[in-house]
N, C-alpha and C. Protein backbone atom coordinates (compact mmCIF):
# COMPACT_ATOMS: atom_id res chain seq x y z
N MET A 1 10.33 17.81 26.47
CA MET A 1 9.31 18.77 27.60
C MET A 1 9.79 20.02 27.71
N ASN A 2 9.46 20.69 27.62
CA ASN A 2 9.88 22.41 27.98
C ASN A 2 9.06 22.99 28.59
N GLY A 3 8.77 23.43 29.53
CA GLY A 3 7.71 24.35 30.08
C GLY A 3 6.18 23.75 30.28
N ASN A 4 5.34 24.56 29.33
CA ASN A 4 4.48 24.13 29.02
C ASN A 4 4.05 23.73 27.59
N SER A 5 5.44 22.90 27.03
CA SER A 5 5.14 22.14 25.61
C SER A 5 5.75 20.66 25.33
N LEU A 6 5.37 20.27 24.39
CA LEU A 6 6.00 18.64 24.59
C LEU A 6 6.13 18.69 22.83
N GLN A 7 7.53 18.08 22.91
CA GLN A 7 7.76 18.14 21.30
C GLN A 7 8.72 16.23 21.66
N LEU A 8 7.92 15.90 20.65
CA LEU A 8 8.46 14.22 20.36
C LEU A 8 9.30 14.07 19.03
N PHE A 9 10.69 13.84 19.17
CA PHE A 9 11.42 13.62 18.13
C PHE A 9 11.48 12.24 17.39
N ASP A 10 12.22 11.44 16.44
CA ASP A 10 12.39 10.37 16.34
C ASP A 10 13.53 10.48 16.43
N PRO A 11 14.64 9.08 15.89
CA PRO A 11 15.84 8.67 16.38
C PRO A 11 16.58 9.76 15.56
N HIS A 12 16.35 10.25 14.57
CA HIS A 12 16.86 10.75 13.45
C HIS A 12 16.92 12.27 14.09
N LYS A 13 16.37 12.46 14.72
CA LYS A 13 15.68 13.88 15.51
C LYS A 13 14.77 14.85 14.58
N LYS A 14 13.78 14.44 13.60
CA LYS A 14 12.91 15.03 13.39
C LYS A 14 11.83 14.64 14.29
N LEU A 15 10.79 16.23 14.25
CA LEU A 15 10.19 16.49 14.59
C LEU A 15 8.62 15.37 14.46
N ILE A 16 8.19 14.76 15.40
CA ILE A 16 7.06 13.93 15.12
C ILE A 16 5.66 14.44 15.57
N ALA A 17 5.95 14.95 16.97
CA ALA A 17 4.59 15.68 17.28
C ALA A 17 5.00 16.85 18.57
N LYS A 18 4.31 17.92 18.17
CA LYS A 18 4.12 18.95 19.11
C LYS A 18 2.66 19.34 20.06
N SER A 19 2.95 19.46 21.17
CA SER A 19 1.83 19.85 21.62
C SER A 19 1.77 20.74 23.05
N SER A 20 0.76 21.17 23.28
CA SER A 20 0.69 22.45 24.58
C SER A 20 -0.06 21.83 25.71
N LEU A 21 0.30 22.13 26.90
CA LEU A 21 -0.18 21.86 28.04
C LEU A 21 -1.81 21.95 28.31
N SER A 22 -2.07 21.32 28.68
CA SER A 22 -3.79 21.29 28.57
C SER A 22 -4.22 21.97 29.72
N LYS A 23 -5.47 22.57 30.40
CA LYS A 23 -5.98 22.85 31.46
C LYS A 23 -6.00 21.55 32.34
N ASN A 24 -5.88 20.02 31.93
CA ASN A 24 -6.12 19.59 33.11
C ASN A 24 -4.72 18.70 33.06
N ARG A 25 -3.85 19.38 32.68
CA ARG A 25 -2.23 18.94 32.52
C ARG A 25 -2.00 17.60 32.20
N SER A 26 -2.32 17.64 30.44
CA SER A 26 -2.18 16.51 30.07
C SER A 26 -1.83 17.17 28.60
N PHE A 27 -0.95 16.56 27.83
CA PHE A 27 -0.52 17.26 26.36
C PHE A 27 -1.27 15.96 25.73
N LYS A 28 -2.32 16.61 24.62
CA LYS A 28 -2.90 16.02 23.60
C LYS A 28 -2.25 16.46 22.24
N CYS A 29 -2.31 15.18 21.85
CA CYS A 29 -1.58 14.92 20.63
C CYS A 29 -2.43 14.03 19.51
N SER A 30 -2.29 14.87 18.04
CA SER A 30 -3.20 13.80 17.08
C SER A 30 -2.67 13.47 16.21
N ILE A 31 -2.24 11.87 16.02
CA ILE A 31 -0.84 11.49 14.91
C ILE A 31 -1.36 10.63 13.96
N GLN A 32 -1.05 11.09 12.95
CA GLN A 32 -1.81 10.46 11.67
C GLN A 32 -0.57 9.26 10.86
N SER A 33 -0.71 8.77 11.06
CA SER A 33 0.66 7.98 10.14
C SER A 33 0.08 7.11 8.44
N ALA A 34 1.37 7.69 8.04
CA ALA A 34 1.34 7.27 6.34
C ALA A 34 1.52 6.07 6.05
N LYS A 35 2.00 4.99 7.17
CA LYS A 35 2.91 3.75 6.68
C LYS A 35 2.63 3.24 8.49
N GLU A 36 1.68 2.24 8.47
CA GLU A 36 1.97 1.64 9.96
C GLU A 36 2.62 0.38 9.77
N VAL A 37 3.40 0.55 11.23
CA VAL A 37 4.56 -0.62 11.35
C VAL A 37 4.19 -1.58 12.06
N CYS A 38 3.62 -0.94 13.52
CA CYS A 38 2.82 -2.01 14.81
C CYS A 38 2.16 -2.87 14.20
N MET A 39 2.62 -3.95 14.77
CA MET A 39 1.59 -5.23 14.39
C MET A 39 1.05 -4.99 13.30
N THR A 40 1.85 -4.95 12.29
CA THR A 40 1.10 -5.32 11.05
C THR A 40 1.96 -6.04 9.83
N ARG A 41 3.42 -6.42 10.67
CA ARG A 41 4.40 -7.29 9.94
C ARG A 41 4.12 -8.51 10.09
N THR A 42 4.59 -9.47 9.30
CA THR A 42 4.62 -10.54 9.02
C THR A 42 5.81 -10.86 8.83
N ILE A 43 6.76 -12.16 9.72
CA ILE A 43 8.06 -12.37 9.76
C ILE A 43 7.75 -13.95 8.83
N ASN A 44 8.65 -14.54 7.64
CA ASN A 44 8.69 -15.57 7.13
C ASN A 44 9.55 -16.55 7.42
N GLU A 45 10.72 -15.71 8.29
CA GLU A 45 11.61 -16.35 8.27
C GLU A 45 11.91 -17.65 9.02
N ASP A 46 11.34 -18.06 10.08
CA ASP A 46 11.18 -18.80 10.76
C ASP A 46 10.25 -18.26 12.21
N HIS A 47 10.13 -19.13 13.30
CA HIS A 47 9.35 -19.51 14.05
C HIS A 47 9.49 -18.39 15.32
N ASP A 48 11.16 -18.63 15.81
CA ASP A 48 12.04 -17.55 16.57
C ASP A 48 11.31 -16.13 16.26
N TRP A 49 11.28 -15.70 15.67
CA TRP A 49 11.16 -14.37 15.06
C TRP A 49 9.95 -14.05 15.51
N LEU A 50 8.95 -14.76 15.17
CA LEU A 50 7.63 -14.78 15.15
C LEU A 50 7.03 -14.50 16.41
N TRP A 51 8.05 -15.38 17.31
CA TRP A 51 7.45 -15.25 19.00
C TRP A 51 8.41 -13.92 19.40
N HIS A 52 9.38 -13.38 18.68
CA HIS A 52 10.00 -12.22 18.89
C HIS A 52 9.09 -11.08 19.12
N VAL A 53 8.34 -10.74 17.95
CA VAL A 53 6.85 -10.60 17.81
C VAL A 53 5.72 -10.35 18.57
N ARG A 54 5.37 -11.39 19.01
CA ARG A 54 4.64 -11.60 19.56
C ARG A 54 4.68 -11.05 21.35
N TYR A 55 5.57 -11.41 21.28
CA TYR A 55 6.38 -10.99 22.97
C TYR A 55 6.46 -9.23 22.94
N VAL A 56 6.12 -8.94 21.83
CA VAL A 56 6.43 -7.18 21.98
C VAL A 56 8.33 -7.02 21.82
N HIS A 57 8.70 -7.73 21.08
CA HIS A 57 10.22 -7.27 20.54
C HIS A 57 11.11 -7.82 21.62
N LEU A 58 10.74 -8.58 22.60
CA LEU A 58 11.07 -9.01 23.75
C LEU A 58 12.59 -9.62 23.12
N ASN A 59 13.91 -9.27 23.95
CA ASN A 59 14.96 -9.73 23.40
C ASN A 59 15.22 -11.75 23.53
N PHE A 60 15.86 -12.09 22.61
CA PHE A 60 15.97 -13.34 22.35
C PHE A 60 16.52 -13.99 23.82
N ARG A 61 17.30 -13.54 24.47
CA ARG A 61 18.18 -13.88 25.78
C ARG A 61 16.84 -14.45 26.30
N SER A 62 16.05 -13.54 26.79
CA SER A 62 14.87 -13.55 27.52
C SER A 62 13.49 -14.41 27.08
N LEU A 63 13.82 -14.59 25.93
CA LEU A 63 12.61 -15.47 25.38
C LEU A 63 13.21 -17.11 25.80
N CYS A 64 14.25 -17.17 25.44
CA CYS A 64 14.87 -17.97 25.51
C CYS A 64 14.69 -18.65 27.13
N HIS A 65 15.15 -17.86 27.73
CA HIS A 65 15.02 -18.43 29.54
C HIS A 65 13.49 -18.72 29.50
N LEU A 66 12.53 -18.14 29.26
CA LEU A 66 11.31 -18.42 29.13
C LEU A 66 10.50 -19.56 29.03
N GLY A 67 10.95 -19.94 27.73
CA GLY A 67 10.72 -21.49 27.00
C GLY A 67 11.69 -22.33 27.54
N SER A 68 12.91 -22.52 28.11
CA SER A 68 13.43 -23.41 28.57
C SER A 68 13.02 -23.52 29.80
N LYS A 69 12.60 -22.71 30.52
CA LYS A 69 12.16 -22.93 32.12
C LYS A 69 10.78 -23.34 32.04
N ASN A 70 9.65 -23.21 31.32
CA ASN A 70 8.39 -23.24 30.92
C ASN A 70 7.99 -22.52 31.86
N LEU A 71 8.18 -21.31 31.62
CA LEU A 71 7.68 -19.54 32.44
C LEU A 71 6.27 -19.40 31.84
N ALA A 72 6.27 -19.64 30.35
CA ALA A 72 5.22 -19.04 29.67
C ALA A 72 4.68 -20.49 29.16
N SER A 73 3.14 -20.26 28.72
CA SER A 73 2.51 -21.19 28.74
C SER A 73 2.53 -21.70 26.80
N GLY A 74 2.71 -22.46 26.20
CA GLY A 74 2.43 -22.52 24.69
C GLY A 74 4.21 -22.38 24.08
N LEU A 75 5.16 -21.70 25.15
CA LEU A 75 6.22 -20.78 24.28
C LEU A 75 7.22 -22.04 24.18
N PRO A 76 7.86 -22.44 22.66
CA PRO A 76 8.70 -23.38 22.83
C PRO A 76 10.22 -23.31 23.02
N VAL A 77 10.79 -23.83 23.02
CA VAL A 77 12.51 -23.26 23.46
C VAL A 77 12.88 -23.10 22.37
N LEU A 78 13.73 -21.72 22.17
CA LEU A 78 14.15 -20.83 20.62
C LEU A 78 15.37 -20.71 20.70
N ILE A 79 15.75 -20.54 19.73
CA ILE A 79 17.29 -20.30 19.35
C ILE A 79 17.79 -18.85 19.50
N GLU A 80 18.56 -18.42 20.63
CA GLU A 80 18.66 -17.27 20.92
C GLU A 80 19.81 -16.90 19.43
N HIS A 81 19.04 -15.74 19.23
CA HIS A 81 19.68 -14.65 17.70
C HIS A 81 20.60 -13.32 18.37
N ASN A 82 21.79 -13.53 17.66
CA ASN A 82 22.79 -12.19 17.59
C ASN A 82 21.93 -11.03 16.97
N LYS A 83 21.55 -11.10 16.04
CA LYS A 83 20.94 -9.99 15.22
C LYS A 83 19.48 -9.63 15.78
N SER A 84 19.04 -8.24 15.24
CA SER A 84 17.87 -7.77 15.60
C SER A 84 17.26 -7.36 14.63
N CYS A 85 15.87 -7.57 15.22
CA CYS A 85 15.03 -7.01 13.87
C CYS A 85 15.31 -5.88 13.45
N GLU A 86 14.40 -5.25 12.14
CA GLU A 86 14.46 -3.60 11.98
C GLU A 86 14.24 -2.90 12.92
N ILE A 87 12.85 -2.89 13.19
CA ILE A 87 12.19 -2.05 14.75
C ILE A 87 13.45 -1.97 15.53
N CYS A 88 13.51 -3.48 15.98
CA CYS A 88 14.37 -3.00 17.33
C CYS A 88 15.79 -2.57 17.42
N HIS A 89 16.64 -2.55 15.88
CA HIS A 89 17.79 -2.01 15.40
C HIS A 89 17.28 -0.41 15.74
N ASP A 90 16.30 -0.08 15.33
CA ASP A 90 16.13 1.52 15.21
C ASP A 90 16.17 2.29 16.82
N TYR A 91 16.02 1.16 17.53
CA TYR A 91 15.64 1.44 19.02
C TYR A 91 17.15 1.28 19.90
């Protein structure tokens, strides 16, 4: 944000969206995507990664804690993974 304008960049410093401050002090953006990523992926590796996606890419340490302490209904005990998924790796 700079003054009355908003610019949104991706991790590679490429401009994604640009907007001006409106009368009601908000920034209105219309974003069109050619490739949908979020919530359209399917993971075939194992069920640990499926739970990682279901919990909005929560880290495995926290997922394992939730499962081992029965803090989340239906969440099994998971194996903690050291590598990150493609989406988490970009952030």
